[in-house]
Amino acid sequence: MRITSTSCICPVLVCLCFVQRCYGAAHHGSIKVTRNQTKHIEGETEVHHRPKRGWVWNQFFVLEEHMGPDPQYVGKLHSNSDKGDGSVKYILTGEGAGTIFIIDDTTGDIHSTKSLDREQKTHYVLHAQAIDRRTNKPLEPESEFIIKVQDINDNAPKFTDGPYIVTVPEMSEMGTSVLQVTATDADDPTYGNSARVVYSILQGQPYFSVDPKTGVIRTALHNMDREAREHYSVVIQAKDMAGQVGGLSGSTTVNITLTDVNDNPPRFPQKHYQLYVPESAQVGSAVGKIKANDADTGSNADMKYTIINGDGSGVFSISTDKETREGILSLKKPLNYEKKKSYTLNIEGANTHLDFRFSHLGPFKDVTMLKVIVGDVDEPPLFTMPSYVMEVYENAKIGTPVGTVTAHDPDAANSLVRYFIDHNAEEDRYFTIDASTGTIKTAKIFDREETPWYNITVAASEIDNPGLVSHVPVGVRILDVNDNPPELARDYDVVVCENTKPGQVIQTITAIDKDNSANGARFHFSLDEGLSLNPNFTLRNNEDNTASILTKRRRYSRTTQDIYYLPVLISDGGVPPLSSSSTLTIRVCACERDGRVRTCHAEAFLSSAGLSTGALIAILLCIVILLAIVVLFITLRRSKKEPLIISEEDVRENVVTYDDEGGGEEDTEAFDITALRNPSAAEELKYRRDVRPEVKPLSRHHPSSSLDSIDVQEFLNQRLAEADLDPSVPPYDSLQTYAYEGHRSEAGSISSLDSATTHSDQDYNYLGDWGPEFKKLAELYGEIEPERTT
């Protein structure tokens, strides 16, 4: 078989080969298939080989973007079995077969029916086969070949990342790289110059240039100054076909910004400044601003202001506002127009971030002179001291001088000053002040024990200008006078045991004095000398502001006297000394051997229990509430009335409960209860007094002799029969209880109900020997006299 294309025909013997093996052939090749032949070699005999047949294939080429009216011819297939009689049929299969590529099954001519785009698909793989048209049997094995789409220059270069934004420092050297741009071309880079791109600059000269091969943009001038021009717009073009005429091109924009460097020193607009500051300006306040200009931006324009010399460097200070880059002038000390009327300051402004590459453009600082003029202001009076502390004795008479404050007019006019006390609306007026001299006097009599210190505010104003007022705090200390006698530190509860010994300390007392330590810290204790000598107790002064109470005899008896009173005289060490008398109450109590109090007088139980008056009132209140609850409960029970018959339809037998109470033992009209307790007392049965009988009951009389001998069982049966036959009872059963237990036994009753009225021969005196735990029981049952606790 032979496959040919439109470009060339190259014979090949016996084997399959590519067109590229045909030396000197063009890029389109042709292949033919013939029967195998032998070649005679000199000196050798002819050798015959078995003939072989097969496909010889090659690459076919077809131009992209074909716009002709007829299908584009691609190539031709031919089998060596084809004799030209139409018996061979060519079949084409694979990518695009039948749709894009068609074949003449008789001649083997291949045509392209559609316009192809290499950028979408570069080649197609197809299979060719020759079969016998009559038998449809393959004459040759199926063979594969490729149809490549040949590129044409139909795509312009494109910048996929544009437009670009880039920065470059100002004052950069010429040739400094700024950015590399890259354009892509979709055409085949291996075929011709369709994809060979060349870069050029359309806009941005003479400031920038571009490398035509690499696309690197560089600066084209020396020392480009940002302060002169900051932004540049550069247009770069990329053209294929190596820049030749007819090539396609694309462009992009590169926006270049020059970034700042510190190449400009700061400069003050003026060399001399003048500032007016009133003398009333507050210390620490800002009194003025100054600024040096710097053409740079950002940190390159940061600067610091300092006062380098001048007579006002100790009075003024300067700081830098980082936002506005201004120098803020502040006052360090108060101004006084009468002392100094002007100051001179030399202020320097210097950059804080230096770039030594541009140090030759410096120095990067500047100096200016500032003259500060102090303005005269009518000032308020000035006190000689920032605060005053004065003293006065308590109990001093009204109008006693306490002290004097002094103020003067600091201005040159030296106006007269008027004084007054700044009172609050709610404040009591304890002091007065002389408006001309400033002398403070008392307006009330003071008690140091109530208020030891007073704080007042004195104001001073000029007579010519009352609106200018100054204030000063004045503290007045109240000095102590010995005007309070000492007294006991607390109310002492002194207890003495009945079995105490002479000379025993039963209580240590101390005293307090409202005066300060200078007039009452030393106390002296003694017994009142105006009274007779106390035979029971004595007092010992311990010389440490305490005193001890001691016993003078051996035993004390509560039965004889349970409370003693001991007057104590207390004096202080003030000038003059003051004294007071207090009475101690000493209670006699029974104590254990170890000294613990066991019992005292009835008044002592409440005291020893530690119950206050409030606690006792609370206990009594609780008792009253409980009693009220009990009374309310009893009242509710009495007022509760249940119906005798629960329901008219309820015909069941019921147990009736009577909640009514009787009239007691004196009520003889309601019911004779003795008949229920003792059969012998019921000599004759009586009618019910609460219900009138209609028929007399049967067997109402029994001999008394039978009652003496009747037993409990017969008694109950008898009462049951009477209840059943009594017509006066309700027409249903009732429950009756009987407390009768039968006749008295020989042993007698073991109940203790009558023990209080029955004389007993039992001797209970032995209970007194059982100890104090059974003492109360011995007093109840014994015949001995109860002893008093000693």
Foldseek 3Di string as FASTA:
>chain_A
DKKAWPQEEDEDAQDADEQVVVPPGDLGYMYAYAWHDWDDDPPDDTDDDDTDFADHEYEWEDEAPDDDPDFAWTIFDDGNVCPLPQQKFKDKDFPCEPNQWDADRRGRTITGDDHHDCLVPFKTKMKMFIAGPVPRHTPHDIDIYMYGHDWDQDWAWDFPDDDAEWEDAFQDAWFAWTDATDTFTSTDPVDAFSTQKFKFWDDDPPQWTAHGRGRTITGNDGGHDVLVPFKDKIKMKIWINNPDPPTHMDIGIYIYGHAYDLQWAWAFPDQEAEFEDELPDDAFDFRDKGATDTSHDDLSGAKFKAFPDWPCNVQWGWGADRVVRMITIGGHDGDDCVVDFKIKTKMKIARPDDDVVNVVSDDRMDIHMYMYGYHYDFAWWDWPDQAAEWEDAAQDDFFAWTAFTDTWGSDPVTAAKFKFWDDDPPDDDQWGAHGRTRIITGHDGDDCLVPQKDKTKMKMGGPVCRVRIDIHIYMYGYAYDQDWWKDWPDADAFEDEQQAAFFDFGDKTAIDTSTDCQAFVFKDKAFDPVDDDDQFWGKATPRNRMITITGHHGGDDVVVPFKDKTKMKMWGDGVVIDIDIDIHIYGYAHADPVGHGDGGPPVVVCVVVVADPVNVVVVVVVVVVVVVVVVVVVVVLVPDDDDQDNDPVDPDFDEGDDPDDDPPPVPPQQDDLVVLAAVLVCQFDDDHNVFDFDDDFPPGHDHSVVSVPDWPVVVVVVVVVRVVRGPRDPPHDYDDDGPYDTDADPVGDPDCPCVVVDDDPDALCCQVVPDPVSLVVCVVPHPDDRDDDD
